[in-house]
Amino acid sequence: MSLRFITIEGSLLEINENTPLDELLTNHPEVVKVLARHGMHSIACPAELIEPLHKVCEARDMPIDKLVKELRLFVDEMEKEAK
């Protein structure tokens, strides 16, 4: 299951294990807080930015499911607050 969120260009972004990190950060820069809570402090690596979330998690030996769930909840809450 993946949730869809509006991007800055007005299209839909699915947050799932295949979402590229740069696309996520471009459209929802506030998720850096969630990524930091999961130990992703050096996410500015150019090589990592183009990788899908599951590859970034694999490199850090982190489970992807919990991160995707928390990202979805966080973005959903941010969008509700913006309304």
N, C-alpha and C. Protein backbone atom coordinates (compact mmCIF):
# COMPACT_ATOMS: atom_id res chain seq x y z
N MET A 1 0.84 -1.18 0.00
CA MET A 1 0.00 0.00 0.00
C MET A 1 0.88 1.24 0.00
N SER A 2 0.51 2.23 -0.77
CA SER A 2 1.24 3.49 -0.74
C SER A 2 0.24 4.63 -0.72
N LEU A 3 0.57 5.65 0.02
CA LEU A 3 -0.27 6.83 0.08
C LEU A 3 0.23 7.82 -0.94
N ARG A 4 -0.65 8.64 -1.43
CA ARG A 4 -0.28 9.65 -2.41
C ARG A 4 -0.37 11.02 -1.78
N PHE A 5 0.60 11.86 -2.06
CA PHE A 5 0.62 13.21 -1.56
C PHE A 5 0.88 14.16 -2.71
N ILE A 6 0.39 15.36 -2.59
CA ILE A 6 0.57 16.36 -3.63
C ILE A 6 2.01 16.87 -3.59
N THR A 7 2.64 16.95 -4.75
CA THR A 7 4.01 17.46 -4.84
C THR A 7 3.96 18.97 -5.06
N ILE A 8 5.12 19.61 -5.03
CA ILE A 8 5.16 21.05 -5.23
C ILE A 8 4.74 21.42 -6.65
N GLU A 9 4.85 20.48 -7.57
CA GLU A 9 4.40 20.74 -8.95
C GLU A 9 2.92 20.43 -9.13
N GLY A 10 2.27 19.92 -8.10
CA GLY A 10 0.85 19.61 -8.18
C GLY A 10 0.54 18.19 -8.60
N SER A 11 1.56 17.39 -8.86
CA SER A 11 1.33 15.98 -9.22
C SER A 11 1.31 15.15 -7.93
N LEU A 12 1.06 13.87 -8.09
CA LEU A 12 0.99 13.00 -6.92
C LEU A 12 2.32 12.28 -6.68
N LEU A 13 2.70 12.21 -5.42
CA LEU A 13 3.91 11.49 -5.02
C LEU A 13 3.50 10.34 -4.13
N GLU A 14 3.90 9.14 -4.50
CA GLU A 14 3.64 7.98 -3.66
C GLU A 14 4.83 7.80 -2.73
N ILE A 15 4.55 7.69 -1.45
CA ILE A 15 5.63 7.41 -0.50
C ILE A 15 5.62 5.92 -0.25
N ASN A 16 6.63 5.27 -0.79
CA ASN A 16 6.80 3.83 -0.60
C ASN A 16 8.29 3.51 -0.65
N GLU A 17 8.63 2.25 -0.63
CA GLU A 17 10.04 1.85 -0.59
C GLU A 17 10.82 2.24 -1.84
N ASN A 18 10.11 2.54 -2.93
CA ASN A 18 10.77 2.92 -4.18
C ASN A 18 10.82 4.42 -4.43
N THR A 19 10.31 5.21 -3.51
CA THR A 19 10.34 6.66 -3.67
C THR A 19 11.79 7.15 -3.60
N PRO A 20 12.24 7.88 -4.62
CA PRO A 20 13.62 8.41 -4.58
C PRO A 20 13.76 9.43 -3.45
N LEU A 21 14.88 9.38 -2.76
CA LEU A 21 15.11 10.26 -1.63
C LEU A 21 15.05 11.73 -2.06
N ASP A 22 15.63 12.08 -3.20
CA ASP A 22 15.62 13.48 -3.63
C ASP A 22 14.20 13.97 -3.93
N GLU A 23 13.38 13.11 -4.49
CA GLU A 23 11.99 13.48 -4.78
C GLU A 23 11.22 13.73 -3.48
N LEU A 24 11.45 12.88 -2.51
CA LEU A 24 10.80 13.03 -1.22
C LEU A 24 11.23 14.34 -0.55
N LEU A 25 12.54 14.61 -0.54
CA LEU A 25 13.05 15.81 0.11
C LEU A 25 12.67 17.09 -0.64
N THR A 26 12.60 17.02 -1.94
CA THR A 26 12.20 18.19 -2.73
C THR A 26 10.75 18.58 -2.44
N ASN A 27 9.89 17.59 -2.35
CA ASN A 27 8.47 17.85 -2.18
C ASN A 27 8.03 17.98 -0.73
N HIS A 28 8.78 17.40 0.16
CA HIS A 28 8.44 17.45 1.59
C HIS A 28 9.72 17.59 2.41
N PRO A 29 10.38 18.76 2.34
CA PRO A 29 11.65 18.92 3.05
C PRO A 29 11.55 18.73 4.56
N GLU A 30 10.37 18.89 5.10
CA GLU A 30 10.19 18.73 6.54
C GLU A 30 10.42 17.29 7.00
N VAL A 31 10.43 16.32 6.07
CA VAL A 31 10.65 14.93 6.47
C VAL A 31 12.08 14.68 6.94
N VAL A 32 12.94 15.66 6.78
CA VAL A 32 14.31 15.51 7.28
C VAL A 32 14.30 15.20 8.79
N LYS A 33 13.29 15.69 9.48
CA LYS A 33 13.15 15.40 10.92
C LYS A 33 12.94 13.90 11.15
N VAL A 34 12.10 13.29 10.34
CA VAL A 34 11.83 11.86 10.46
C VAL A 34 13.09 11.07 10.10
N LEU A 35 13.74 11.47 9.03
CA LEU A 35 14.96 10.77 8.61
C LEU A 35 16.03 10.85 9.69
N ALA A 36 16.17 12.00 10.33
CA ALA A 36 17.16 12.16 11.40
C ALA A 36 16.84 11.26 12.58
N ARG A 37 15.56 11.13 12.91
CA ARG A 37 15.17 10.24 14.01
C ARG A 37 15.55 8.79 13.72
N HIS A 38 15.67 8.45 12.47
CA HIS A 38 16.03 7.09 12.06
C HIS A 38 17.53 6.97 11.80
N GLY A 39 18.30 7.96 12.20
CA GLY A 39 19.75 7.89 12.07
C GLY A 39 20.29 8.31 10.73
N MET A 40 19.45 8.90 9.89
CA MET A 40 19.91 9.36 8.58
C MET A 40 20.33 10.82 8.67
N HIS A 41 21.53 11.03 9.20
CA HIS A 41 22.03 12.40 9.41
C HIS A 41 22.82 12.90 8.21
N SER A 42 23.33 12.03 7.40
CA SER A 42 24.17 12.44 6.27
C SER A 42 23.46 12.15 4.95
N ILE A 43 22.26 12.67 4.82
CA ILE A 43 21.46 12.37 3.64
C ILE A 43 21.78 13.27 2.46
N ALA A 44 22.77 14.13 2.61
CA ALA A 44 23.11 15.05 1.52
C ALA A 44 24.10 14.44 0.53
N CYS A 45 24.46 13.21 0.71
CA CYS A 45 25.37 12.54 -0.21
C CYS A 45 24.72 12.48 -1.59
N PRO A 46 25.36 13.10 -2.60
CA PRO A 46 24.76 13.13 -3.93
C PRO A 46 24.40 11.75 -4.49
N ALA A 47 25.23 10.77 -4.21
CA ALA A 47 24.95 9.42 -4.73
C ALA A 47 23.70 8.83 -4.08
N GLU A 48 23.47 9.13 -2.80
CA GLU A 48 22.31 8.60 -2.10
C GLU A 48 21.03 9.31 -2.49
N LEU A 49 21.12 10.56 -2.85
CA LEU A 49 19.91 11.34 -3.13
C LEU A 49 19.09 10.75 -4.27
N ILE A 50 19.73 10.12 -5.22
CA ILE A 50 18.97 9.56 -6.35
C ILE A 50 18.48 8.14 -6.09
N GLU A 51 18.87 7.59 -4.96
CA GLU A 51 18.49 6.22 -4.61
C GLU A 51 17.08 6.15 -4.05
N PRO A 52 16.38 5.04 -4.28
CA PRO A 52 15.08 4.84 -3.63
C PRO A 52 15.29 4.59 -2.13
N LEU A 53 14.25 4.85 -1.38
CA LEU A 53 14.34 4.71 0.08
C LEU A 53 14.86 3.35 0.52
N HIS A 54 14.44 2.27 -0.15
CA HIS A 54 14.87 0.95 0.29
C HIS A 54 16.38 0.78 0.15
N LYS A 55 17.00 1.39 -0.85
CA LYS A 55 18.46 1.30 -1.01
C LYS A 55 19.17 2.10 0.08
N VAL A 56 18.63 3.26 0.41
CA VAL A 56 19.22 4.08 1.48
C VAL A 56 19.15 3.33 2.80
N CYS A 57 18.04 2.65 3.04
CA CYS A 57 17.90 1.86 4.27
C CYS A 57 18.82 0.65 4.27
N GLU A 58 18.95 -0.01 3.12
CA GLU A 58 19.84 -1.17 3.02
C GLU A 58 21.27 -0.77 3.37
N ALA A 59 21.70 0.38 2.89
CA ALA A 59 23.07 0.84 3.15
C ALA A 59 23.32 1.08 4.63
N ARG A 60 22.25 1.32 5.36
CA ARG A 60 22.37 1.58 6.80
C ARG A 60 21.88 0.39 7.64
N ASP A 61 21.54 -0.70 6.99
CA ASP A 61 21.02 -1.89 7.66
C ASP A 61 19.81 -1.54 8.53
N MET A 62 18.88 -0.80 7.92
CA MET A 62 17.67 -0.35 8.62
C MET A 62 16.44 -0.98 7.98
N PRO A 63 15.43 -1.29 8.78
CA PRO A 63 14.18 -1.80 8.19
C PRO A 63 13.42 -0.68 7.48
N ILE A 64 12.92 -0.95 6.30
CA ILE A 64 12.24 0.06 5.49
C ILE A 64 10.80 0.28 5.93
N ASP A 65 10.11 -0.75 6.36
CA ASP A 65 8.68 -0.65 6.65
C ASP A 65 8.35 0.41 7.69
N LYS A 66 9.09 0.42 8.78
CA LYS A 66 8.83 1.40 9.84
C LYS A 66 9.08 2.82 9.36
N LEU A 67 10.13 3.02 8.59
CA LEU A 67 10.44 4.35 8.07
C LEU A 67 9.35 4.84 7.13
N VAL A 68 8.91 4.01 6.20
CA VAL A 68 7.86 4.41 5.25
C VAL A 68 6.58 4.76 6.00
N LYS A 69 6.23 3.96 6.96
CA LYS A 69 5.01 4.22 7.75
C LYS A 69 5.11 5.56 8.46
N GLU A 70 6.24 5.82 9.09
CA GLU A 70 6.40 7.08 9.81
C GLU A 70 6.44 8.27 8.86
N LEU A 71 7.06 8.13 7.70
CA LEU A 71 7.08 9.21 6.71
C LEU A 71 5.66 9.54 6.24
N ARG A 72 4.88 8.51 5.97
CA ARG A 72 3.50 8.72 5.53
C ARG A 72 2.69 9.45 6.58
N LEU A 73 2.79 9.00 7.82
CA LEU A 73 2.05 9.65 8.91
C LEU A 73 2.48 11.10 9.09
N PHE A 74 3.77 11.35 9.03
CA PHE A 74 4.30 12.69 9.22
C PHE A 74 3.80 13.63 8.12
N VAL A 75 3.91 13.21 6.86
CA VAL A 75 3.47 14.05 5.74
C VAL A 75 1.96 14.25 5.80
N ASP A 76 1.23 13.23 6.15
CA ASP A 76 -0.22 13.35 6.26
C ASP A 76 -0.58 14.40 7.31
N GLU A 77 0.07 14.37 8.46
CA GLU A 77 -0.18 15.35 9.52
C GLU A 77 0.20 16.76 9.07
N MET A 78 1.31 16.89 8.37
CA MET A 78 1.74 18.20 7.89
C MET A 78 0.71 18.77 6.91
N GLU A 79 0.18 17.94 6.06
CA GLU A 79 -0.80 18.40 5.08
C GLU A 79 -2.13 18.76 5.76
N LYS A 80 -2.51 18.04 6.81
CA LYS A 80 -3.72 18.38 7.55
C LYS A 80 -3.57 19.73 8.24
N GLU A 81 -2.39 19.97 8.81
CA GLU A 81 -2.14 21.24 9.50
C GLU A 81 -2.13 22.41 8.52
N ALA A 82 -1.74 22.16 7.29
CA ALA A 82 -1.66 23.22 6.29
C ALA A 82 -3.04 23.66 5.79
N LYS A 83 -4.04 22.83 6.00
CA LYS A 83 -5.40 23.16 5.50
C LYS A 83 -6.09 24.13 6.40
